[in-house]
């Protein structure tokens, strides 16, 4: 499995799987068929049965030494399963992979080249085409869902962190990062489904991302998707955030992010900490809004006055979410 370029860097793929037998063969074929071959594919299996292993086993036999398969003794959940897979990698560049997508054959080569051309940059990500379960295009991309574009003016967001604290565009299924960051990014917080957001923010706050608008992944949508991207419209997303109290989730994530960066020993600009603390405080206030309208209204007015709805949310849509939708969310 050689045929290397990219300055002979060792390429690792970290894949977290759960009941993935239906699509994983197609994904493994797309990874193994890359123009720049991976040196290892680390698969951590969270399934409660052996069906996923049965789908992987022919690849283990066909490509000896390429695939490292680990069956978890107990369920870890998606983020902790990715944490385990990342921790077991030995490569210079680490690519994350879901079990049900399909990669363009140039994905590894192009993201690796981006990182080689940007030695100070910690990670790279691409765009992805959103497709149905049969890989038919749905007419939009992951960046469309996140409201991100490669040509946004720099004045709009310093080093893009101003954008990342609103919506993280670097999805796990589209990213690669340098192994020197493993000690910084691991372990993930004890929060469900946090790895995409955590990796996006912590790498952007330290070494930054380089990216390409090219769609190098087919992001498959089906009934068993863990990701909610592409499934909900904005109204549904707003109601989901209230019912699941995602504001409290975000408050915890930003608190842990600030603590990790503070203890990292890195020279991080004070302005970055100010931005992250301000974002955390906005999350905290919104987490406390599950109360009657008379108590909530002054809180909403304060967040309008300090402009945090517009810096960290969807502006007046977020105001309406707290003012009106909370009345109908139960």
C-alpha atoms as a PDB file:
ATOM      1  CA  UNK A   1       0.000   0.000   0.000  1.00  0.00           C
ATOM      2  CA  UNK A   2       2.738   2.440  -0.853  1.00  0.00           C
ATOM      3  CA  UNK A   3       2.786   4.727  -3.886  1.00  0.00           C
ATOM      4  CA  UNK A   4       3.446   7.670  -1.578  1.00  0.00           C
ATOM      5  CA  UNK A   5       4.004  11.318  -2.363  1.00  0.00           C
ATOM      6  CA  UNK A   6       3.446  14.279  -0.025  1.00  0.00           C
ATOM      7  CA  UNK A   7       7.048  14.260   1.205  1.00  0.00           C
ATOM      8  CA  UNK A   8       6.728  10.624   2.359  1.00  0.00           C
ATOM      9  CA  UNK A   9       4.512  11.608   5.241  1.00  0.00           C
ATOM     10  CA  UNK A  10       2.703   8.768   6.933  1.00  0.00           C
ATOM     11  CA  UNK A  11      -1.053   9.026   6.423  1.00  0.00           C
ATOM     12  CA  UNK A  12      -3.502   7.706   9.015  1.00  0.00           C
ATOM     13  CA  UNK A  13      -7.265   7.401   8.686  1.00  0.00           C
ATOM     14  CA  UNK A  14      -9.236   7.290  11.956  1.00  0.00           C
ATOM     15  CA  UNK A  15     -12.675   5.763  11.461  1.00  0.00           C
ATOM     16  CA  UNK A  16     -15.344   5.375  14.150  1.00  0.00           C
ATOM     17  CA  UNK A  17     -18.053   2.880  13.209  1.00  0.00           C
ATOM     18  CA  UNK A  18     -21.383   1.790  14.635  1.00  0.00           C
ATOM     19  CA  UNK A  19     -23.666  -0.692  12.871  1.00  0.00           C
ATOM     20  CA  UNK A  20     -21.981   0.349   9.649  1.00  0.00           C
ATOM     21  CA  UNK A  21     -22.284  -2.823   7.624  1.00  0.00           C
ATOM     22  CA  UNK A  22     -24.610  -1.340   4.990  1.00  0.00           C
ATOM     23  CA  UNK A  23     -22.249   1.301   3.574  1.00  0.00           C
ATOM     24  CA  UNK A  24     -18.770   0.687   4.960  1.00  0.00           C
ATOM     25  CA  UNK A  25     -17.565  -1.450   2.037  1.00  0.00           C
ATOM     26  CA  UNK A  26     -18.109   1.431  -0.379  1.00  0.00           C
ATOM     27  CA  UNK A  27     -16.327   3.856   1.940  1.00  0.00           C
ATOM     28  CA  UNK A  28     -13.334   1.564   2.440  1.00  0.00           C
ATOM     29  CA  UNK A  29     -13.055   1.060  -1.322  1.00  0.00           C
ATOM     30  CA  UNK A  30     -12.941   4.838  -1.798  1.00  0.00           C
ATOM     31  CA  UNK A  31     -10.244   5.271   0.870  1.00  0.00           C
ATOM     32  CA  UNK A  32      -8.080   2.412  -0.352  1.00  0.00           C
ATOM     33  CA  UNK A  33      -8.444   3.650  -3.945  1.00  0.00           C
ATOM     34  CA  UNK A  34      -6.947   7.082  -3.215  1.00  0.00           C
ATOM     35  CA  UNK A  35      -4.258   8.468  -5.506  1.00  0.00           C
ATOM     36  CA  UNK A  36      -2.191   9.002  -2.352  1.00  0.00           C
ATOM     37  CA  UNK A  37      -2.582   5.817  -0.343  1.00  0.00           C
ATOM     38  CA  UNK A  38      -3.140   5.746   3.421  1.00  0.00           C
ATOM     39  CA  UNK A  39      -0.527   3.906   5.473  1.00  0.00           C
ATOM     40  CA  UNK A  40      -3.062   2.766   8.058  1.00  0.00           C
ATOM     41  CA  UNK A  41      -6.799   2.766   8.603  1.00  0.00           C
ATOM     42  CA  UNK A  42      -7.644   2.582  12.297  1.00  0.00           C
ATOM     43  CA  UNK A  43     -11.221   1.368  12.797  1.00  0.00           C
ATOM     44  CA  UNK A  44     -12.857   1.412  16.225  1.00  0.00           C
ATOM     45  CA  UNK A  45     -16.144  -0.476  16.269  1.00  0.00           C
ATOM     46  CA  UNK A  46     -18.881   0.548  18.710  1.00  0.00           C
ATOM     47  CA  UNK A  47     -21.415  -1.958  17.348  1.00  0.00           C
ATOM     48  CA  UNK A  48     -23.257  -4.354  19.594  1.00  0.00           C
ATOM     49  CA  UNK A  49     -22.981  -7.182  17.065  1.00  0.00           C
ATOM     50  CA  UNK A  50     -20.425  -8.565  14.584  1.00  0.00           C
ATOM     51  CA  UNK A  51     -22.117  -7.487  11.356  1.00  0.00           C
ATOM     52  CA  UNK A  52     -19.826  -4.515  10.801  1.00  0.00           C
ATOM     53  CA  UNK A  53     -16.755  -6.669  11.378  1.00  0.00           C
ATOM     54  CA  UNK A  54     -18.035  -9.186   8.825  1.00  0.00           C
ATOM     55  CA  UNK A  55     -18.166  -6.375   6.260  1.00  0.00           C
ATOM     56  CA  UNK A  56     -14.625  -5.229   7.164  1.00  0.00           C
ATOM     57  CA  UNK A  57     -13.026  -8.674   7.421  1.00  0.00           C
ATOM     58  CA  UNK A  58     -12.476  -9.175   3.651  1.00  0.00           C
ATOM     59  CA  UNK A  59     -10.517  -5.901   3.549  1.00  0.00           C
ATOM     60  CA  UNK A  60      -8.354  -7.010   6.486  1.00  0.00           C
ATOM     61  CA  UNK A  61      -7.537 -10.219   4.630  1.00  0.00           C
ATOM     62  CA  UNK A  62      -6.997  -8.523   1.252  1.00  0.00           C
ATOM     63  CA  UNK A  63      -4.753  -5.733   2.580  1.00  0.00           C
ATOM     64  CA  UNK A  64      -2.669  -7.221   5.416  1.00  0.00           C
ATOM     65  CA  UNK A  65      -1.195  -4.624   7.743  1.00  0.00           C
ATOM     66  CA  UNK A  66      -3.294  -1.769   6.427  1.00  0.00           C
ATOM     67  CA  UNK A  67      -6.364  -1.985   8.653  1.00  0.00           C
ATOM     68  CA  UNK A  68      -6.167  -1.952  12.439  1.00  0.00           C
ATOM     69  CA  UNK A  69      -9.516  -3.153  13.748  1.00  0.00           C
ATOM     70  CA  UNK A  70     -10.539  -2.653  17.391  1.00  0.00           C
ATOM     71  CA  UNK A  71     -13.848  -3.837  18.825  1.00  0.00           C
ATOM     72  CA  UNK A  72     -14.905  -1.843  21.894  1.00  0.00           C
ATOM     73  CA  UNK A  73     -15.771  -3.840  25.012  1.00  0.00           C
ATOM     74  CA  UNK A  74     -18.596  -1.412  25.766  1.00  0.00           C
ATOM     75  CA  UNK A  75     -20.234   1.402  23.850  1.00  0.00           C
ATOM     76  CA  UNK A  76     -18.232   4.648  23.862  1.00  0.00           C
ATOM     77  CA  UNK A  77     -20.490   6.874  21.784  1.00  0.00           C
ATOM     78  CA  UNK A  78     -19.456   8.638  18.588  1.00  0.00           C
ATOM     79  CA  UNK A  79     -17.057  11.269  19.956  1.00  0.00           C
ATOM     80  CA  UNK A  80     -15.229   9.027  22.407  1.00  0.00           C
ATOM     81  CA  UNK A  81     -14.994   6.356  19.716  1.00  0.00           C
ATOM     82  CA  UNK A  82     -13.297   8.887  17.423  1.00  0.00           C
ATOM     83  CA  UNK A  83     -11.066   9.867  20.336  1.00  0.00           C
ATOM     84  CA  UNK A  84      -9.951   6.257  20.686  1.00  0.00           C
ATOM     85  CA  UNK A  85      -9.345   5.881  16.955  1.00  0.00           C
ATOM     86  CA  UNK A  86      -7.279   9.092  16.817  1.00  0.00           C
ATOM     87  CA  UNK A  87      -5.254   8.055  19.866  1.00  0.00           C
ATOM     88  CA  UNK A  88      -4.272   4.788  18.140  1.00  0.00           C
ATOM     89  CA  UNK A  89      -2.985   6.424  14.951  1.00  0.00           C
ATOM     90  CA  UNK A  90       0.722   6.619  14.160  1.00  0.00           C
ATOM     91  CA  UNK A  91       0.687   8.895  11.134  1.00  0.00           C
ATOM     92  CA  UNK A  92       1.992  12.396  10.531  1.00  0.00           C
ATOM     93  CA  UNK A  93      -1.395  13.454   9.121  1.00  0.00           C
ATOM     94  CA  UNK A  94      -4.668  12.170  10.564  1.00  0.00           C
ATOM     95  CA  UNK A  95      -7.821  12.027   8.443  1.00  0.00           C
ATOM     96  CA  UNK A  96     -11.206  11.445  10.067  1.00  0.00           C
ATOM     97  CA  UNK A  97     -13.691   9.204   8.315  1.00  0.00           C
ATOM     98  CA  UNK A  98     -17.329   8.355   8.827  1.00  0.00           C
ATOM     99  CA  UNK A  99     -18.513   4.888   7.863  1.00  0.00           C
ATOM    100  CA  UNK A 100     -21.083   5.822   5.263  1.00  0.00           C
ATOM    101  CA  UNK A 101     -19.568   8.518   3.012  1.00  0.00           C
ATOM    102  CA  UNK A 102     -17.559   8.154  -0.199  1.00  0.00           C
ATOM    103  CA  UNK A 103     -14.286   9.986  -0.819  1.00  0.00           C
ATOM    104  CA  UNK A 104     -13.129  11.515  -4.088  1.00  0.00           C
ATOM    105  CA  UNK A 105      -9.976   9.624  -5.087  1.00  0.00           C
ATOM    106  CA  UNK A 106      -7.840  12.792  -4.761  1.00  0.00           C
ATOM    107  CA  UNK A 107      -9.030  13.756  -1.264  1.00  0.00           C
ATOM    108  CA  UNK A 108      -5.987  12.605   0.704  1.00  0.00           C
ATOM    109  CA  UNK A 109      -3.561  14.035  -1.825  1.00  0.00           C
ATOM    110  CA  UNK A 110      -5.198  17.440  -2.032  1.00  0.00           C
ATOM    111  CA  UNK A 111      -5.633  17.966   1.714  1.00  0.00           C
ATOM    112  CA  UNK A 112      -2.105  16.691   2.385  1.00  0.00           C
ATOM    113  CA  UNK A 113      -0.772  19.148  -0.203  1.00  0.00           C
ATOM    114  CA  UNK A 114      -2.668  21.989   1.454  1.00  0.00           C
ATOM    115  CA  UNK A 115      -1.012  21.174   4.769  1.00  0.00           C
ATOM    116  CA  UNK A 116       2.426  20.798   3.207  1.00  0.00           C
ATOM    117  CA  UNK A 117       2.072  24.199   1.574  1.00  0.00           C
ATOM    118  CA  UNK A 118       1.058  25.759   4.921  1.00  0.00           C
ATOM    119  CA  UNK A 119       3.625  24.558   7.494  1.00  0.00           C
ATOM    120  CA  UNK A 120       2.200  26.705  10.303  1.00  0.00           C
ATOM    121  CA  UNK A 121      -1.359  25.532   9.682  1.00  0.00           C
ATOM    122  CA  UNK A 122      -2.664  22.781  11.950  1.00  0.00           C
ATOM    123  CA  UNK A 123      -5.443  21.296   9.848  1.00  0.00           C
ATOM    124  CA  UNK A 124      -7.170  21.295   6.476  1.00  0.00           C
ATOM    125  CA  UNK A 125     -10.742  20.732   5.408  1.00  0.00           C
ATOM    126  CA  UNK A 126     -12.696  20.541   2.193  1.00  0.00           C
ATOM    127  CA  UNK A 127     -16.304  20.903   1.171  1.00  0.00           C
ATOM    128  CA  UNK A 128     -18.639  17.960   0.575  1.00  0.00           C
ATOM    129  CA  UNK A 129     -21.536  17.261  -1.741  1.00  0.00           C
ATOM    130  CA  UNK A 130     -24.671  16.268   0.157  1.00  0.00           C
ATOM    131  CA  UNK A 131     -26.182  13.152  -1.411  1.00  0.00           C
ATOM    132  CA  UNK A 132     -28.992  10.701  -0.679  1.00  0.00           C
ATOM    133  CA  UNK A 133     -28.447   7.103   0.363  1.00  0.00           C
ATOM    134  CA  UNK A 134     -27.946   6.110  -3.283  1.00  0.00           C
ATOM    135  CA  UNK A 135     -25.335   8.888  -3.737  1.00  0.00           C
ATOM    136  CA  UNK A 136     -27.638  11.052  -5.840  1.00  0.00           C
ATOM    137  CA  UNK A 137     -26.816  14.768  -5.358  1.00  0.00           C
ATOM    138  CA  UNK A 138     -29.369  16.715  -3.314  1.00  0.00           C
ATOM    139  CA  UNK A 139     -28.401  20.029  -4.881  1.00  0.00           C
ATOM    140  CA  UNK A 140     -26.388  21.626  -2.086  1.00  0.00           C
ATOM    141  CA  UNK A 141     -23.123  21.254  -0.204  1.00  0.00           C
ATOM    142  CA  UNK A 142     -22.096  21.058   3.436  1.00  0.00           C
ATOM    143  CA  UNK A 143     -20.738  24.606   3.226  1.00  0.00           C
ATOM    144  CA  UNK A 144     -24.155  25.746   2.018  1.00  0.00           C
ATOM    145  CA  UNK A 145     -25.618  24.289   5.211  1.00  0.00           C
ATOM    146  CA  UNK A 146     -23.033  26.107   7.314  1.00  0.00           C
ATOM    147  CA  UNK A 147     -23.223  29.416   5.438  1.00  0.00           C
ATOM    148  CA  UNK A 148     -19.480  29.293   4.725  1.00  0.00           C
ATOM    149  CA  UNK A 149     -17.556  30.200   1.575  1.00  0.00           C
ATOM    150  CA  UNK A 150     -13.882  30.309   0.704  1.00  0.00           C
ATOM    151  CA  UNK A 151     -14.055  33.909  -0.572  1.00  0.00           C
ATOM    152  CA  UNK A 152     -15.487  35.624   2.504  1.00  0.00           C
ATOM    153  CA  UNK A 153     -13.570  38.859   3.152  1.00  0.00           C
ATOM    154  CA  UNK A 154     -10.928  38.639   5.854  1.00  0.00           C
ATOM    155  CA  UNK A 155     -12.327  41.772   7.482  1.00  0.00           C
ATOM    156  CA  UNK A 156     -15.452  39.799   8.336  1.00  0.00           C
ATOM    157  CA  UNK A 157     -13.639  37.382  10.623  1.00  0.00           C
ATOM    158  CA  UNK A 158     -10.099  37.538  11.903  1.00  0.00           C
ATOM    159  CA  UNK A 159      -8.458  34.220  11.055  1.00  0.00           C
ATOM    160  CA  UNK A 160     -12.015  32.935  10.558  1.00  0.00           C
ATOM    161  CA  UNK A 161     -12.453  32.367  14.311  1.00  0.00           C
ATOM    162  CA  UNK A 162     -15.234  34.956  14.355  1.00  0.00           C
ATOM    163  CA  UNK A 163     -17.083  32.729  11.904  1.00  0.00           C
ATOM    164  CA  UNK A 164     -16.211  29.477  13.691  1.00  0.00           C
ATOM    165  CA  UNK A 165     -17.783  30.653  16.951  1.00  0.00           C
ATOM    166  CA  UNK A 166     -21.063  31.087  15.056  1.00  0.00           C
ATOM    167  CA  UNK A 167     -21.026  27.876  13.033  1.00  0.00           C
ATOM    168  CA  UNK A 168     -18.064  25.522  12.648  1.00  0.00           C
ATOM    169  CA  UNK A 169     -17.658  24.671   8.945  1.00  0.00           C
ATOM    170  CA  UNK A 170     -14.874  22.094   9.431  1.00  0.00           C
ATOM    171  CA  UNK A 171     -16.956  18.909   9.708  1.00  0.00           C
ATOM    172  CA  UNK A 172     -15.275  15.740  10.935  1.00  0.00           C
ATOM    173  CA  UNK A 173     -15.944  13.889   7.688  1.00  0.00           C
ATOM    174  CA  UNK A 174     -13.967  16.539   5.775  1.00  0.00           C
ATOM    175  CA  UNK A 175     -10.917  17.184   7.944  1.00  0.00           C
ATOM    176  CA  UNK A 176      -7.276  16.246   8.310  1.00  0.00           C
ATOM    177  CA  UNK A 177      -4.887  17.552  10.948  1.00  0.00           C
ATOM    178  CA  UNK A 178      -1.258  17.233  11.944  1.00  0.00           C
ATOM    179  CA  UNK A 179      -0.295  14.669  14.566  1.00  0.00           C
ATOM    180  CA  UNK A 180       1.543  17.327  16.594  1.00  0.00           C
ATOM    181  CA  UNK A 181      -1.905  18.464  17.751  1.00  0.00           C
ATOM    182  CA  UNK A 182      -2.952  15.138  19.275  1.00  0.00           C
ATOM    183  CA  UNK A 183      -1.863  16.092  22.787  1.00  0.00           C
ATOM    184  CA  UNK A 184      -3.807  19.340  22.520  1.00  0.00           C
ATOM    185  CA  UNK A 185      -7.087  18.026  21.090  1.00  0.00           C
ATOM    186  CA  UNK A 186      -7.286  14.817  23.161  1.00  0.00           C
ATOM    187  CA  UNK A 187      -9.142  13.890  25.247  1.00  0.00           C
ATOM    188  CA  UNK A 188     -12.444  15.224  23.943  1.00  0.00           C
ATOM    189  CA  UNK A 189     -14.843  16.760  26.467  1.00  0.00           C
ATOM    190  CA  UNK A 190     -17.390  14.485  28.130  1.00  0.00           C
ATOM    191  CA  UNK A 191     -20.138  15.753  25.841  1.00  0.00           C
ATOM    192  CA  UNK A 192     -22.169  13.839  23.288  1.00  0.00           C
ATOM    193  CA  UNK A 193     -21.296  14.350  19.622  1.00  0.00           C
ATOM    194  CA  UNK A 194     -18.756  17.093  20.288  1.00  0.00           C
ATOM    195  CA  UNK A 195     -15.755  16.036  18.196  1.00  0.00           C
ATOM    196  CA  UNK A 196     -16.552  18.070  15.052  1.00  0.00           C
ATOM    197  CA  UNK A 197     -17.111  21.320  16.940  1.00  0.00           C
ATOM    198  CA  UNK A 198     -14.262  20.716  19.380  1.00  0.00           C
ATOM    199  CA  UNK A 199     -11.685  19.983  16.698  1.00  0.00           C
ATOM    200  CA  UNK A 200     -12.879  22.874  14.559  1.00  0.00           C
ATOM    201  CA  UNK A 201     -12.618  25.418  17.352  1.00  0.00           C
ATOM    202  CA  UNK A 202      -9.454  24.286  19.121  1.00  0.00           C
ATOM    203  CA  UNK A 203      -7.434  24.034  15.912  1.00  0.00           C
ATOM    204  CA  UNK A 204      -8.732  27.366  14.614  1.00  0.00           C
ATOM    205  CA  UNK A 205      -7.913  29.055  17.946  1.00  0.00           C
ATOM    206  CA  UNK A 206      -4.317  27.805  17.910  1.00  0.00           C
ATOM    207  CA  UNK A 207      -2.776  26.993  14.532  1.00  0.00           C
ATOM    208  CA  UNK A 208      -5.658  27.665  12.156  1.00  0.00           C
ATOM    209  CA  UNK A 209      -7.195  25.813   9.209  1.00  0.00           C
ATOM    210  CA  UNK A 210      -6.462  25.883   5.525  1.00  0.00           C
ATOM    211  CA  UNK A 211      -9.272  24.776   3.247  1.00  0.00           C
ATOM    212  CA  UNK A 212     -10.510  24.180  -0.271  1.00  0.00           C
ATOM    213  CA  UNK A 213     -14.021  24.753  -1.590  1.00  0.00           C
ATOM    214  CA  UNK A 214     -13.714  21.627  -3.741  1.00  0.00           C
ATOM    215  CA  UNK A 215     -16.171  18.886  -2.802  1.00  0.00           C
ATOM    216  CA  UNK A 216     -13.907  15.923  -2.021  1.00  0.00           C
ATOM    217  CA  UNK A 217     -16.515  13.909  -0.071  1.00  0.00           C
ATOM    218  CA  UNK A 218     -19.955  12.603  -0.868  1.00  0.00           C
ATOM    219  CA  UNK A 219     -21.783  13.262   2.426  1.00  0.00           C
ATOM    220  CA  UNK A 220     -24.454  10.556   2.485  1.00  0.00           C
ATOM    221  CA  UNK A 221     -27.810  11.263   4.139  1.00  0.00           C
ATOM    222  CA  UNK A 222     -29.947   8.376   5.370  1.00  0.00           C
ATOM    223  CA  UNK A 223     -32.223   7.423   8.239  1.00  0.00           C
ATOM    224  CA  UNK A 224     -29.379   6.279  10.505  1.00  0.00           C
ATOM    225  CA  UNK A 225     -27.173   9.381  10.174  1.00  0.00           C
ATOM    226  CA  UNK A 226     -25.773  10.602  13.467  1.00  0.00           C
ATOM    227  CA  UNK A 227     -25.320  14.084  12.035  1.00  0.00           C
ATOM    228  CA  UNK A 228     -28.414  16.294  11.908  1.00  0.00           C
ATOM    229  CA  UNK A 229     -26.914  18.327   9.027  1.00  0.00           C
ATOM    230  CA  UNK A 230     -29.155  18.281   6.005  1.00  0.00           C
ATOM    231  CA  UNK A 231     -32.089  16.782   7.884  1.00  0.00           C
ATOM    232  CA  UNK A 232     -33.672  19.818   9.507  1.00  0.00           C
ATOM    233  CA  UNK A 233     -34.629  23.212   8.154  1.00  0.00           C
ATOM    234  CA  UNK A 234     -33.781  26.275  10.250  1.00  0.00           C
ATOM    235  CA  UNK A 235     -37.104  26.214  12.106  1.00  0.00           C
ATOM    236  CA  UNK A 236     -36.660  22.565  13.036  1.00  0.00           C
ATOM    237  CA  UNK A 237     -33.069  23.226  14.074  1.00  0.00           C
ATOM    238  CA  UNK A 238     -34.191  26.093  16.286  1.00  0.00           C
ATOM    239  CA  UNK A 239     -36.823  23.957  18.025  1.00  0.00           C
ATOM    240  CA  UNK A 240     -34.349  21.091  18.425  1.00  0.00           C
ATOM    241  CA  UNK A 241     -31.812  23.435  20.047  1.00  0.00           C
ATOM    242  CA  UNK A 242     -34.407  24.590  22.598  1.00  0.00           C
ATOM    243  CA  UNK A 243     -35.752  21.132  23.415  1.00  0.00           C
ATOM    244  CA  UNK A 244     -32.283  19.627  23.785  1.00  0.00           C
ATOM    245  CA  UNK A 245     -30.909  22.735  25.542  1.00  0.00           C
ATOM    246  CA  UNK A 246     -27.963  22.909  23.157  1.00  0.00           C
ATOM    247  CA  UNK A 247     -27.086  26.246  24.743  1.00  0.00           C
ATOM    248  CA  UNK A 248     -26.027  24.469  27.932  1.00  0.00           C
ATOM    249  CA  UNK A 249     -24.066  21.979  25.810  1.00  0.00           C
ATOM    250  CA  UNK A 250     -22.253  24.858  24.121  1.00  0.00           C
ATOM    251  CA  UNK A 251     -21.565  26.580  27.423  1.00  0.00           C
ATOM    252  CA  UNK A 252     -19.852  23.441  28.709  1.00  0.00           C
ATOM    253  CA  UNK A 253     -17.890  23.001  25.486  1.00  0.00           C
ATOM    254  CA  UNK A 254     -16.598  26.582  25.473  1.00  0.00           C
ATOM    255  CA  UNK A 255     -15.724  26.376  29.170  1.00  0.00           C
ATOM    256  CA  UNK A 256     -13.620  23.270  28.515  1.00  0.00           C
ATOM    257  CA  UNK A 257     -12.079  24.858  25.425  1.00  0.00           C
ATOM    258  CA  UNK A 258     -10.961  27.903  27.417  1.00  0.00           C
ATOM    259  CA  UNK A 259      -9.530  25.691  30.150  1.00  0.00           C
ATOM    260  CA  UNK A 260      -7.660  23.484  27.667  1.00  0.00           C
ATOM    261  CA  UNK A 261      -6.158  26.463  25.865  1.00  0.00           C
ATOM    262  CA  UNK A 262      -5.234  28.153  29.154  1.00  0.00           C
ATOM    263  CA  UNK A 263      -3.319  25.089  30.320  1.00  0.00           C
ATOM    264  CA  UNK A 264      -1.745  24.279  26.947  1.00  0.00           C
ATOM    265  CA  UNK A 265       1.378  26.377  27.436  1.00  0.00           C
ATOM    266  CA  UNK A 266       0.807  27.999  24.040  1.00  0.00           C
ATOM    267  CA  UNK A 267       1.144  31.711  23.422  1.00  0.00           C
ATOM    268  CA  UNK A 268      -2.453  32.546  22.548  1.00  0.00           C
ATOM    269  CA  UNK A 269      -3.626  36.090  21.915  1.00  0.00           C
ATOM    270  CA  UNK A 270      -5.738  37.629  24.679  1.00  0.00           C
ATOM    271  CA  UNK A 271      -8.300  38.646  22.067  1.00  0.00           C
ATOM    272  CA  UNK A 272      -8.990  34.988  21.311  1.00  0.00           C
ATOM    273  CA  UNK A 273      -9.742  34.268  24.970  1.00  0.00           C
ATOM    274  CA  UNK A 274     -11.983  37.341  25.141  1.00  0.00           C
ATOM    275  CA  UNK A 275     -13.918  36.122  22.110  1.00  0.00           C
ATOM    276  CA  UNK A 276     -14.334  32.601  23.487  1.00  0.00           C
ATOM    277  CA  UNK A 277     -15.399  33.832  26.935  1.00  0.00           C
ATOM    278  CA  UNK A 278     -17.933  36.175  25.385  1.00  0.00           C
ATOM    279  CA  UNK A 279     -19.322  33.305  23.311  1.00  0.00           C
ATOM    280  CA  UNK A 280     -19.496  31.082  26.413  1.00  0.00           C
ATOM    281  CA  UNK A 281     -21.337  33.767  28.371  1.00  0.00           C
ATOM    282  CA  UNK A 282     -23.886  34.171  25.581  1.00  0.00           C
ATOM    283  CA  UNK A 283     -24.477  30.401  25.692  1.00  0.00           C
ATOM    284  CA  UNK A 284     -24.925  30.547  29.458  1.00  0.00           C
ATOM    285  CA  UNK A 285     -27.528  33.312  29.262  1.00  0.00           C
ATOM    286  CA  UNK A 286     -29.501  31.469  26.596  1.00  0.00           C
ATOM    287  CA  UNK A 287     -29.296  28.240  28.596  1.00  0.00           C
ATOM    288  CA  UNK A 288     -31.051  30.072  31.425  1.00  0.00           C
ATOM    289  CA  UNK A 289     -33.915  31.251  29.208  1.00  0.00           C
ATOM    290  CA  UNK A 290     -36.113  28.211  29.782  1.00  0.00           C
ATOM    291  CA  UNK A 291     -38.279  30.284  32.089  1.00  0.00           C
ATOM    292  CA  UNK A 292     -41.416  32.433  31.894  1.00  0.00           C
ATOM    293  CA  UNK A 293     -41.561  35.288  29.405  1.00  0.00           C
ATOM    294  CA  UNK A 294     -41.427  37.994  32.080  1.00  0.00           C
ATOM    295  CA  UNK A 295     -38.075  36.753  33.325  1.00  0.00           C
ATOM    296  CA  UNK A 296     -36.809  35.916  29.843  1.00  0.00           C
ATOM    297  CA  UNK A 297     -37.634  39.227  28.162  1.00  0.00           C
ATOM    298  CA  UNK A 298     -35.009  41.345  30.014  1.00  0.00           C
ATOM    299  CA  UNK A 299     -32.397  38.681  29.253  1.00  0.00           C
ATOM    300  CA  UNK A 300     -33.261  38.861  25.560  1.00  0.00           C
ATOM    301  CA  UNK A 301     -33.072  42.657  25.598  1.00  0.00           C
ATOM    302  CA  UNK A 302     -29.628  42.526  27.189  1.00  0.00           C
ATOM    303  CA  UNK A 303     -28.317  40.135  24.529  1.00  0.00           C
ATOM    304  CA  UNK A 304     -29.737  42.375  21.812  1.00  0.00           C
ATOM    305  CA  UNK A 305     -28.052  45.385  23.412  1.00  0.00           C
ATOM    306  CA  UNK A 306     -24.632  43.770  23.610  1.00  0.00           C
ATOM    307  CA  UNK A 307     -25.033  42.471  20.028  1.00  0.00           C
ATOM    308  CA  UNK A 308     -24.205  38.877  20.953  1.00  0.00           C
ATOM    309  CA  UNK A 309     -27.214  37.521  19.039  1.00  0.00           C
ATOM    310  CA  UNK A 310     -25.636  38.994  15.927  1.00  0.00           C
ATOM    311  CA  UNK A 311     -22.029  38.016  16.682  1.00  0.00           C
ATOM    312  CA  UNK A 312     -22.701  34.403  17.643  1.00  0.00           C
ATOM    313  CA  UNK A 313     -26.106  33.454  16.277  1.00  0.00           C
ATOM    314  CA  UNK A 314     -28.487  34.160  13.429  1.00  0.00           C
ATOM    315  CA  UNK A 315     -29.327  37.708  14.502  1.00  0.00           C
ATOM    316  CA  UNK A 316     -33.030  38.479  14.657  1.00  0.00           C
ATOM    317  CA  UNK A 317     -33.868  34.843  13.892  1.00  0.00           C
ATOM    318  CA  UNK A 318     -32.185  33.880  17.169  1.00  0.00           C
ATOM    319  CA  UNK A 319     -34.077  36.650  18.961  1.00  0.00           C
ATOM    320  CA  UNK A 320     -37.353  35.217  17.628  1.00  0.00           C
ATOM    321  CA  UNK A 321     -36.212  31.759  18.670  1.00  0.00           C
ATOM    322  CA  UNK A 322     -35.942  32.886  22.304  1.00  0.00           C
ATOM    323  CA  UNK A 323     -38.866  35.285  22.278  1.00  0.00           C
ATOM    324  CA  UNK A 324     -41.462  33.226  20.380  1.00  0.00           C
ATOM    325  CA  UNK A 325     -40.400  29.642  19.685  1.00  0.00           C
ATOM    326  CA  UNK A 326     -39.729  28.866  23.333  1.00  0.00           C
ATOM    327  CA  UNK A 327     -43.490  29.343  23.881  1.00  0.00           C
ATOM    328  CA  UNK A 328     -44.185  26.405  21.542  1.00  0.00           C
ATOM    329  CA  UNK A 329     -41.226  24.142  22.241  1.00  0.00           C
ATOM    330  CA  UNK A 330     -42.747  21.874  24.879  1.00  0.00           C
END
